[in-house]
Amino acid sequence: ELGERRAPVVPPVLLGQARLDARDGVPLDTVLRRY
């Protein structure tokens, strides 16, 4: 809708889920494969 240059910052909920992945021992490889 806005174009790449006007896109909002990375949503905080995604960063929060990354922290939750790390705390719960989900491998980074699994996280990246999901993305």
PDB file of all heavy atoms in Angstrom:
ATOM      1  N   GLU A   1       0.808  -1.218   0.000  1.00  0.00           N
ATOM      2  CA  GLU A   1       0.000   0.000   0.000  1.00  0.00           C
ATOM      3  C   GLU A   1       0.842   1.268   0.000  1.00  0.00           C
ATOM      4  O   GLU A   1       0.503   2.251  -0.674  1.00  0.00           O
ATOM      5  CB  GLU A   1      -0.917  -0.005   1.227  1.00  0.00           C
ATOM      6  CG  GLU A   1      -1.994  -1.073   1.160  1.00  0.00           C
ATOM      7  CD  GLU A   1      -2.713  -1.257   2.483  1.00  0.00           C
ATOM      8  OE1 GLU A   1      -2.129  -0.944   3.539  1.00  0.00           O
ATOM      9  OE2 GLU A   1      -3.859  -1.731   2.468  1.00  0.00           O
ATOM     10  N   LEU A   2       1.946   1.251   0.759  1.00  0.00           N
ATOM     11  CA  LEU A   2       2.728   2.467   0.963  1.00  0.00           C
ATOM     12  C   LEU A   2       4.032   2.513   0.168  1.00  0.00           C
ATOM     13  O   LEU A   2       4.610   3.583  -0.018  1.00  0.00           O
ATOM     14  CB  LEU A   2       3.061   2.633   2.457  1.00  0.00           C
ATOM     15  CG  LEU A   2       1.862   2.652   3.410  1.00  0.00           C
ATOM     16  CD1 LEU A   2       2.350   2.661   4.852  1.00  0.00           C
ATOM     17  CD2 LEU A   2       0.995   3.866   3.136  1.00  0.00           C
ATOM     18  N   GLY A   3       4.483   1.352  -0.270  1.00  0.00           N
ATOM     19  CA  GLY A   3       5.780   1.288  -0.905  1.00  0.00           C
ATOM     20  C   GLY A   3       6.852   0.953   0.127  1.00  0.00           C
ATOM     21  O   GLY A   3       6.696   1.219   1.320  1.00  0.00           O
ATOM     22  N   GLU A   4       7.936   0.372  -0.330  1.00  0.00           N
ATOM     23  CA  GLU A   4       8.978  -0.102   0.584  1.00  0.00           C
ATOM     24  C   GLU A   4       9.599   1.036   1.385  1.00  0.00           C
ATOM     25  O   GLU A   4       9.895   0.894   2.576  1.00  0.00           O
ATOM     26  CB  GLU A   4      10.044  -0.862  -0.218  1.00  0.00           C
ATOM     27  CG  GLU A   4      11.130  -1.489   0.621  1.00  0.00           C
ATOM     28  CD  GLU A   4      12.319  -0.556   0.783  1.00  0.00           C
ATOM     29  OE1 GLU A   4      12.639   0.148  -0.194  1.00  0.00           O
ATOM     30  OE2 GLU A   4      12.896  -0.528   1.889  1.00  0.00           O
ATOM     31  N   ARG A   5       9.788   2.196   0.766  1.00  0.00           N
ATOM     32  CA  ARG A   5      10.459   3.311   1.449  1.00  0.00           C
ATOM     33  C   ARG A   5       9.591   3.931   2.537  1.00  0.00           C
ATOM     34  O   ARG A   5      10.103   4.508   3.492  1.00  0.00           O
ATOM     35  CB  ARG A   5      10.864   4.379   0.439  1.00  0.00           C
ATOM     36  CG  ARG A   5      11.957   3.913  -0.518  1.00  0.00           C
ATOM     37  CD  ARG A   5      12.396   5.028  -1.433  1.00  0.00           C
ATOM     38  NE  ARG A   5      13.449   4.604  -2.327  1.00  0.00           N
ATOM     39  CZ  ARG A   5      14.035   5.384  -3.235  1.00  0.00           C
ATOM     40  NH1 ARG A   5      13.624   6.652  -3.352  1.00  0.00           N
ATOM     41  NH2 ARG A   5      14.986   4.915  -4.006  1.00  0.00           N
ATOM     42  N   ARG A   6       8.278   3.856   2.380  1.00  0.00           N
ATOM     43  CA  ARG A   6       7.376   4.471   3.366  1.00  0.00           C
ATOM     44  C   ARG A   6       6.794   3.439   4.328  1.00  0.00           C
ATOM     45  O   ARG A   6       5.909   3.745   5.114  1.00  0.00           O
ATOM     46  CB  ARG A   6       6.235   5.177   2.642  1.00  0.00           C
ATOM     47  CG  ARG A   6       6.691   6.358   1.781  1.00  0.00           C
ATOM     48  CD  ARG A   6       5.538   6.889   0.951  1.00  0.00           C
ATOM     49  NE  ARG A   6       4.391   7.232   1.780  1.00  0.00           N
ATOM     50  CZ  ARG A   6       3.142   7.293   1.339  1.00  0.00           C
ATOM     51  NH1 ARG A   6       2.878   6.992   0.070  1.00  0.00           N
ATOM     52  NH2 ARG A   6       2.154   7.632   2.146  1.00  0.00           N
ATOM     53  N   ALA A   7       7.289   2.213   4.266  1.00  0.00           N
ATOM     54  CA  ALA A   7       6.741   1.156   5.124  1.00  0.00           C
ATOM     55  C   ALA A   7       7.031   1.451   6.587  1.00  0.00           C
ATOM     56  O   ALA A   7       8.047   2.074   6.919  1.00  0.00           O
ATOM     57  CB  ALA A   7       7.360  -0.186   4.744  1.00  0.00           C
ATOM     58  N   PRO A   8       6.149   1.042   7.489  1.00  0.00           N
ATOM     59  CA  PRO A   8       6.380   1.269   8.921  1.00  0.00           C
ATOM     60  C   PRO A   8       7.539   0.420   9.435  1.00  0.00           C
ATOM     61  O   PRO A   8       8.064  -0.451   8.718  1.00  0.00           O
ATOM     62  CB  PRO A   8       5.053   0.823   9.555  1.00  0.00           C
ATOM     63  CG  PRO A   8       4.459  -0.139   8.578  1.00  0.00           C
ATOM     64  CD  PRO A   8       4.871   0.352   7.219  1.00  0.00           C
ATOM     65  N   VAL A   9       7.934   0.674  10.652  1.00  0.00           N
ATOM     66  CA  VAL A   9       9.013  -0.103  11.256  1.00  0.00           C
ATOM     67  C   VAL A   9       8.536  -1.530  11.489  1.00  0.00           C
ATOM     68  O   VAL A   9       7.336  -1.820  11.450  1.00  0.00           O
ATOM     69  CB  VAL A   9       9.456   0.523  12.598  1.00  0.00           C
ATOM     70  CG1 VAL A   9      10.002   1.916  12.383  1.00  0.00           C
ATOM     71  CG2 VAL A   9       8.290   0.552  13.576  1.00  0.00           C
ATOM     72  N   VAL A  10       9.480  -2.421  11.724  1.00  0.00           N
ATOM     73  CA  VAL A  10       9.132  -3.818  11.991  1.00  0.00           C
ATOM     74  C   VAL A  10       8.200  -3.883  13.202  1.00  0.00           C
ATOM     75  O   VAL A  10       8.496  -3.303  14.246  1.00  0.00           O
ATOM     76  CB  VAL A  10      10.406  -4.642  12.268  1.00  0.00           C
ATOM     77  CG1 VAL A  10      10.042  -6.061  12.692  1.00  0.00           C
ATOM     78  CG2 VAL A  10      11.292  -4.674  11.026  1.00  0.00           C
ATOM     79  N   PRO A  11       7.061  -4.554  13.078  1.00  0.00           N
ATOM     80  CA  PRO A  11       6.083  -4.595  14.179  1.00  0.00           C
ATOM     81  C   PRO A  11       6.691  -5.135  15.468  1.00  0.00           C
ATOM     82  O   PRO A  11       7.389  -6.159  15.448  1.00  0.00           O
ATOM     83  CB  PRO A  11       4.997  -5.535  13.647  1.00  0.00           C
ATOM     84  CG  PRO A  11       5.115  -5.461  12.164  1.00  0.00           C
ATOM     85  CD  PRO A  11       6.571  -5.274  11.889  1.00  0.00           C
ATOM     86  N   PRO A  12       6.436  -4.502  16.584  1.00  0.00           N
ATOM     87  CA  PRO A  12       6.977  -4.971  17.863  1.00  0.00           C
ATOM     88  C   PRO A  12       6.585  -6.408  18.190  1.00  0.00           C
ATOM     89  O   PRO A  12       7.344  -7.119  18.850  1.00  0.00           O
ATOM     90  CB  PRO A  12       6.379  -3.989  18.880  1.00  0.00           C
ATOM     91  CG  PRO A  12       6.089  -2.749  18.090  1.00  0.00           C
ATOM     92  CD  PRO A  12       5.705  -3.226  16.732  1.00  0.00           C
ATOM     93  N   VAL A  13       5.400  -6.849  17.739  1.00  0.00           N
ATOM     94  CA  VAL A  13       4.972  -8.204  18.063  1.00  0.00           C
ATOM     95  C   VAL A  13       5.911  -9.240  17.449  1.00  0.00           C
ATOM     96  O   VAL A  13       6.126 -10.318  18.024  1.00  0.00           O
ATOM     97  CB  VAL A  13       3.515  -8.445  17.601  1.00  0.00           C
ATOM     98  CG1 VAL A  13       3.407  -8.413  16.078  1.00  0.00           C
ATOM     99  CG2 VAL A  13       2.994  -9.773  18.123  1.00  0.00           C
ATOM    100  N   LEU A  14       6.517  -8.931  16.303  1.00  0.00           N
ATOM    101  CA  LEU A  14       7.464  -9.859  15.684  1.00  0.00           C
ATOM    102  C   LEU A  14       8.754  -9.934  16.493  1.00  0.00           C
ATOM    103  O   LEU A  14       9.338 -11.013  16.651  1.00  0.00           O
ATOM    104  CB  LEU A  14       7.759  -9.434  14.247  1.00  0.00           C
ATOM    105  CG  LEU A  14       6.560  -9.397  13.297  1.00  0.00           C
ATOM    106  CD1 LEU A  14       6.995  -9.023  11.884  1.00  0.00           C
ATOM    107  CD2 LEU A  14       5.850 -10.747  13.289  1.00  0.00           C
ATOM    108  N   LEU A  15       9.194  -8.799  16.994  1.00  0.00           N
ATOM    109  CA  LEU A  15      10.394  -8.793  17.836  1.00  0.00           C
ATOM    110  C   LEU A  15      10.107  -9.505  19.156  1.00  0.00           C
ATOM    111  O   LEU A  15      10.965 -10.233  19.674  1.00  0.00           O
ATOM    112  CB  LEU A  15      10.852  -7.356  18.085  1.00  0.00           C
ATOM    113  CG  LEU A  15      11.146  -6.525  16.824  1.00  0.00           C
ATOM    114  CD1 LEU A  15      11.609  -5.125  17.209  1.00  0.00           C
ATOM    115  CD2 LEU A  15      12.203  -7.226  15.975  1.00  0.00           C
ATOM    116  N   GLY A  16       8.907  -9.290  19.687  1.00  0.00           N
ATOM    117  CA  GLY A  16       8.534  -9.973  20.919  1.00  0.00           C
ATOM    118  C   GLY A  16       8.497 -11.484  20.739  1.00  0.00           C
ATOM    119  O   GLY A  16       8.921 -12.236  21.619  1.00  0.00           O
ATOM    120  N   GLN A  17       8.005 -11.934  19.575  1.00  0.00           N
ATOM    121  CA  GLN A  17       7.970 -13.376  19.316  1.00  0.00           C
ATOM    122  C   GLN A  17       9.377 -13.935  19.152  1.00  0.00           C
ATOM    123  O   GLN A  17       9.646 -15.071  19.552  1.00  0.00           O
ATOM    124  CB  GLN A  17       7.141 -13.661  18.062  1.00  0.00           C
ATOM    125  CG  GLN A  17       6.938 -15.141  17.761  1.00  0.00           C
ATOM    126  CD  GLN A  17       6.182 -15.869  18.858  1.00  0.00           C
ATOM    127  OE1 GLN A  17       5.426 -15.245  19.607  1.00  0.00           O
ATOM    128  NE2 GLN A  17       6.371 -17.170  18.971  1.00  0.00           N
ATOM    129  N   ALA A  18      10.285 -13.146  18.584  1.00  0.00           N
ATOM    130  CA  ALA A  18      11.677 -13.601  18.473  1.00  0.00           C
ATOM    131  C   ALA A  18      12.281 -13.807  19.859  1.00  0.00           C
ATOM    132  O   ALA A  18      13.018 -14.776  20.082  1.00  0.00           O
ATOM    133  CB  ALA A  18      12.488 -12.580  17.678  1.00  0.00           C
ATOM    134  N   ARG A  19      11.974 -12.908  20.778  1.00  0.00           N
ATOM    135  CA  ARG A  19      12.474 -13.073  22.147  1.00  0.00           C
ATOM    136  C   ARG A  19      11.864 -14.316  22.788  1.00  0.00           C
ATOM    137  O   ARG A  19      12.536 -15.066  23.494  1.00  0.00           O
ATOM    138  CB  ARG A  19      12.149 -11.831  22.979  1.00  0.00           C
ATOM    139  CG  ARG A  19      12.891 -10.581  22.543  1.00  0.00           C
ATOM    140  CD  ARG A  19      12.775  -9.467  23.560  1.00  0.00           C
ATOM    141  NE  ARG A  19      11.406  -8.981  23.680  1.00  0.00           N
ATOM    142  CZ  ARG A  19      10.896  -8.002  22.936  1.00  0.00           C
ATOM    143  NH1 ARG A  19      11.640  -7.408  22.010  1.00  0.00           N
ATOM    144  NH2 ARG A  19       9.642  -7.604  23.111  1.00  0.00           N
ATOM    145  N   LEU A  20      10.579 -14.540  22.510  1.00  0.00           N
ATOM    146  CA  LEU A  20       9.906 -15.716  23.058  1.00  0.00           C
ATOM    147  C   LEU A  20      10.511 -16.996  22.472  1.00  0.00           C
ATOM    148  O   LEU A  20      10.684 -17.994  23.182  1.00  0.00           O
ATOM    149  CB  LEU A  20       8.413 -15.644  22.740  1.00  0.00           C
ATOM    150  CG  LEU A  20       7.455 -16.445  23.633  1.00  0.00           C
ATOM    151  CD1 LEU A  20       7.601 -16.032  25.091  1.00  0.00           C
ATOM    152  CD2 LEU A  20       6.021 -16.249  23.176  1.00  0.00           C
ATOM    153  N   ASP A  21      10.847 -16.980  21.178  1.00  0.00           N
ATOM    154  CA  ASP A  21      11.506 -18.130  20.551  1.00  0.00           C
ATOM    155  C   ASP A  21      12.815 -18.447  21.269  1.00  0.00           C
ATOM    156  O   ASP A  21      13.115 -19.612  21.551  1.00  0.00           O
ATOM    157  CB  ASP A  21      11.793 -17.835  19.072  1.00  0.00           C
ATOM    158  CG  ASP A  21      10.549 -17.914  18.203  1.00  0.00           C
ATOM    159  OD1 ASP A  21       9.743 -18.834  18.411  1.00  0.00           O
ATOM    160  OD2 ASP A  21      10.388 -17.061  17.321  1.00  0.00           O
ATOM    161  N   ALA A  22      13.591 -17.405  21.535  1.00  0.00           N
ATOM    162  CA  ALA A  22      14.876 -17.610  22.192  1.00  0.00           C
ATOM    163  C   ALA A  22      14.692 -18.160  23.600  1.00  0.00           C
ATOM    164  O   ALA A  22      15.387 -19.081  24.018  1.00  0.00           O
ATOM    165  CB  ALA A  22      15.665 -16.298  22.225  1.00  0.00           C
ATOM    166  N   ARG A  23      13.743 -17.605  24.342  1.00  0.00           N
ATOM    167  CA  ARG A  23      13.513 -18.063  25.723  1.00  0.00           C
ATOM    168  C   ARG A  23      13.024 -19.498  25.763  1.00  0.00           C
ATOM    169  O   ARG A  23      13.380 -20.256  26.668  1.00  0.00           O
ATOM    170  CB  ARG A  23      12.480 -17.165  26.398  1.00  0.00           C
ATOM    171  CG  ARG A  23      12.913 -15.741  26.634  1.00  0.00           C
ATOM    172  CD  ARG A  23      11.759 -14.972  27.254  1.00  0.00           C
ATOM    173  NE  ARG A  23      11.898 -13.544  27.061  1.00  0.00           N
ATOM    174  CZ  ARG A  23      10.946 -12.657  27.286  1.00  0.00           C
ATOM    175  NH1 ARG A  23       9.777 -13.072  27.726  1.00  0.00           N
ATOM    176  NH2 ARG A  23      11.138 -11.367  27.098  1.00  0.00           N
ATOM    177  N   ASP A  24      12.180 -19.866  24.796  1.00  0.00           N
ATOM    178  CA  ASP A  24      11.608 -21.206  24.809  1.00  0.00           C
ATOM    179  C   ASP A  24      12.469 -22.229  24.087  1.00  0.00           C
ATOM    180  O   ASP A  24      12.045 -23.367  23.883  1.00  0.00           O
ATOM    181  CB  ASP A  24      10.212 -21.177  24.184  1.00  0.00           C
ATOM    182  CG  ASP A  24       9.179 -20.564  25.123  1.00  0.00           C
ATOM    183  OD1 ASP A  24       9.324 -20.747  26.348  1.00  0.00           O
ATOM    184  OD2 ASP A  24       8.247 -19.908  24.648  1.00  0.00           O
ATOM    185  N   GLY A  25      13.669 -21.825  23.669  1.00  0.00           N
ATOM    186  CA  GLY A  25      14.594 -22.776  23.079  1.00  0.00           C
ATOM    187  C   GLY A  25      14.258 -23.207  21.671  1.00  0.00           C
ATOM    188  O   GLY A  25      14.732 -24.248  21.205  1.00  0.00           O
ATOM    189  N   VAL A  26      13.439 -22.448  20.955  1.00  0.00           N
ATOM    190  CA  VAL A  26      13.160 -22.756  19.551  1.00  0.00           C
ATOM    191  C   VAL A  26      14.387 -22.370  18.730  1.00  0.00           C
ATOM    192  O   VAL A  26      14.825 -21.220  18.779  1.00  0.00           O
ATOM    193  CB  VAL A  26      11.923 -21.978  19.050  1.00  0.00           C
ATOM    194  CG1 VAL A  26      11.661 -22.275  17.578  1.00  0.00           C
ATOM    195  CG2 VAL A  26      10.704 -22.330  19.894  1.00  0.00           C
ATOM    196  N   PRO A  27      14.993 -23.297  17.978  1.00  0.00           N
ATOM    197  CA  PRO A  27      16.225 -22.982  17.240  1.00  0.00           C
ATOM    198  C   PRO A  27      16.028 -21.819  16.261  1.00  0.00           C
ATOM    199  O   PRO A  27      14.966 -21.699  15.641  1.00  0.00           O
ATOM    200  CB  PRO A  27      16.538 -24.287  16.497  1.00  0.00           C
ATOM    201  CG  PRO A  27      15.818 -25.353  17.265  1.00  0.00           C
ATOM    202  CD  PRO A  27      14.580 -24.700  17.800  1.00  0.00           C
ATOM    203  N   LEU A  28      17.061 -21.002  16.129  1.00  0.00           N
ATOM    204  CA  LEU A  28      16.989 -19.881  15.187  1.00  0.00           C
ATOM    205  C   LEU A  28      16.750 -20.388  13.773  1.00  0.00           C
ATOM    206  O   LEU A  28      16.043 -19.744  12.986  1.00  0.00           O
ATOM    207  CB  LEU A  28      18.275 -19.052  15.249  1.00  0.00           C
ATOM    208  CG  LEU A  28      18.336 -17.837  14.321  1.00  0.00           C
ATOM    209  CD1 LEU A  28      17.197 -16.868  14.605  1.00  0.00           C
ATOM    210  CD2 LEU A  28      19.688 -17.131  14.448  1.00  0.00           C
ATOM    211  N   ASP A  29      17.312 -21.547  13.440  1.00  0.00           N
ATOM    212  CA  ASP A  29      17.099 -22.126  12.110  1.00  0.00           C
ATOM    213  C   ASP A  29      15.606 -22.355  11.857  1.00  0.00           C
ATOM    214  O   ASP A  29      15.101 -22.074  10.763  1.00  0.00           O
ATOM    215  CB  ASP A  29      17.856 -23.457  11.999  1.00  0.00           C
ATOM    216  CG  ASP A  29      17.546 -24.182  10.706  1.00  0.00           C
ATOM    217  OD1 ASP A  29      17.937 -23.682   9.637  1.00  0.00           O
ATOM    218  OD2 ASP A  29      16.891 -25.244  10.750  1.00  0.00           O
ATOM    219  N   THR A  30      14.892 -22.824  12.866  1.00  0.00           N
ATOM    220  CA  THR A  30      13.448 -23.034  12.727  1.00  0.00           C
ATOM    221  C   THR A  30      12.725 -21.706  12.535  1.00  0.00           C
ATOM    222  O   THR A  30      11.822 -21.589  11.699  1.00  0.00           O
ATOM    223  CB  THR A  30      12.899 -23.743  13.976  1.00  0.00           C
ATOM    224  OG1 THR A  30      13.502 -25.044  14.081  1.00  0.00           O
ATOM    225  CG2 THR A  30      11.388 -23.896  13.906  1.00  0.00           C
ATOM    226  N   VAL A  31      13.114 -20.705  13.309  1.00  0.00           N
ATOM    227  CA  VAL A  31      12.492 -19.374  13.193  1.00  0.00           C
ATOM    228  C   VAL A  31      12.667 -18.827  11.776  1.00  0.00           C
ATOM    229  O   VAL A  31      11.714 -18.342  11.161  1.00  0.00           O
ATOM    230  CB  VAL A  31      13.110 -18.404  14.223  1.00  0.00           C
ATOM    231  CG1 VAL A  31      12.536 -17.000  14.037  1.00  0.00           C
ATOM    232  CG2 VAL A  31      12.842 -18.899  15.644  1.00  0.00           C
ATOM    233  N   LEU A  32      13.893 -18.914  11.251  1.00  0.00           N
ATOM    234  CA  LEU A  32      14.165 -18.365   9.920  1.00  0.00           C
ATOM    235  C   LEU A  32      13.466 -19.166   8.829  1.00  0.00           C
ATOM    236  O   LEU A  32      12.972 -18.595   7.850  1.00  0.00           O
ATOM    237  CB  LEU A  32      15.675 -18.335   9.677  1.00  0.00           C
ATOM    238  CG  LEU A  32      16.472 -17.439  10.632  1.00  0.00           C
ATOM    239  CD1 LEU A  32      17.943 -17.443  10.261  1.00  0.00           C
ATOM    240  CD2 LEU A  32      15.929 -16.017  10.633  1.00  0.00           C
ATOM    241  N   ARG A  33      13.407 -20.485   8.991  1.00  0.00           N
ATOM    242  CA  ARG A  33      12.690 -21.305   8.004  1.00  0.00           C
ATOM    243  C   ARG A  33      11.212 -20.915   7.950  1.00  0.00           C
ATOM    244  O   ARG A  33      10.596 -20.911   6.881  1.00  0.00           O
ATOM    245  CB  ARG A  33      12.827 -22.787   8.343  1.00  0.00           C
ATOM    246  CG  ARG A  33      14.206 -23.380   8.012  1.00  0.00           C
ATOM    247  CD  ARG A  33      14.305 -24.797   8.525  1.00  0.00           C
ATOM    248  NE  ARG A  33      13.290 -25.649   7.899  1.00  0.00           N
ATOM    249  CZ  ARG A  33      12.866 -26.797   8.431  1.00  0.00           C
ATOM    250  NH1 ARG A  33      13.309 -27.186   9.597  1.00  0.00           N
ATOM    251  NH2 ARG A  33      11.967 -27.522   7.790  1.00  0.00           N
ATOM    252  N   ARG A  34      10.646 -20.594   9.100  1.00  0.00           N
ATOM    253  CA  ARG A  34       9.245 -20.151   9.118  1.00  0.00           C
ATOM    254  C   ARG A  34       9.076 -18.854   8.346  1.00  0.00           C
ATOM    255  O   ARG A  34       8.102 -18.687   7.587  1.00  0.00           O
ATOM    256  CB  ARG A  34       8.780 -19.973  10.556  1.00  0.00           C
ATOM    257  CG  ARG A  34       8.534 -21.271  11.306  1.00  0.00           C
ATOM    258  CD  ARG A  34       8.279 -21.007  12.774  1.00  0.00           C
ATOM    259  NE  ARG A  34       7.857 -22.219  13.492  1.00  0.00           N
ATOM    260  CZ  ARG A  34       7.772 -22.289  14.811  1.00  0.00           C
ATOM    261  NH1 ARG A  34       8.071 -21.233  15.554  1.00  0.00           N
ATOM    262  NH2 ARG A  34       7.385 -23.404  15.385  1.00  0.00           N
ATOM    263  N   TYR A  35      10.010 -17.919   8.519  1.00  0.00           N
ATOM    264  CA  TYR A  35       9.913 -16.652   7.797  1.00  0.00           C
ATOM    265  C   TYR A  35      10.085 -16.862   6.297  1.00  0.00           C
ATOM    266  O   TYR A  35       9.383 -16.251   5.481  1.00  0.00           O
ATOM    267  CB  TYR A  35      10.944 -15.651   8.320  1.00  0.00           C
ATOM    268  CG  TYR A  35      10.436 -14.857   9.494  1.00  0.00           C
ATOM    269  CD1 TYR A  35      10.708 -15.253  10.801  1.00  0.00           C
ATOM    270  CD2 TYR A  35       9.654 -13.719   9.310  1.00  0.00           C
ATOM    271  CE1 TYR A  35      10.222 -14.532  11.890  1.00  0.00           C
ATOM    272  CE2 TYR A  35       9.162 -12.996  10.386  1.00  0.00           C
ATOM    273  CZ  TYR A  35       9.459 -13.413  11.666  1.00  0.00           C
ATOM    274  OH  TYR A  35       8.951 -12.695  12.729  1.00  0.00           O
TER     275      TYR A  35
END
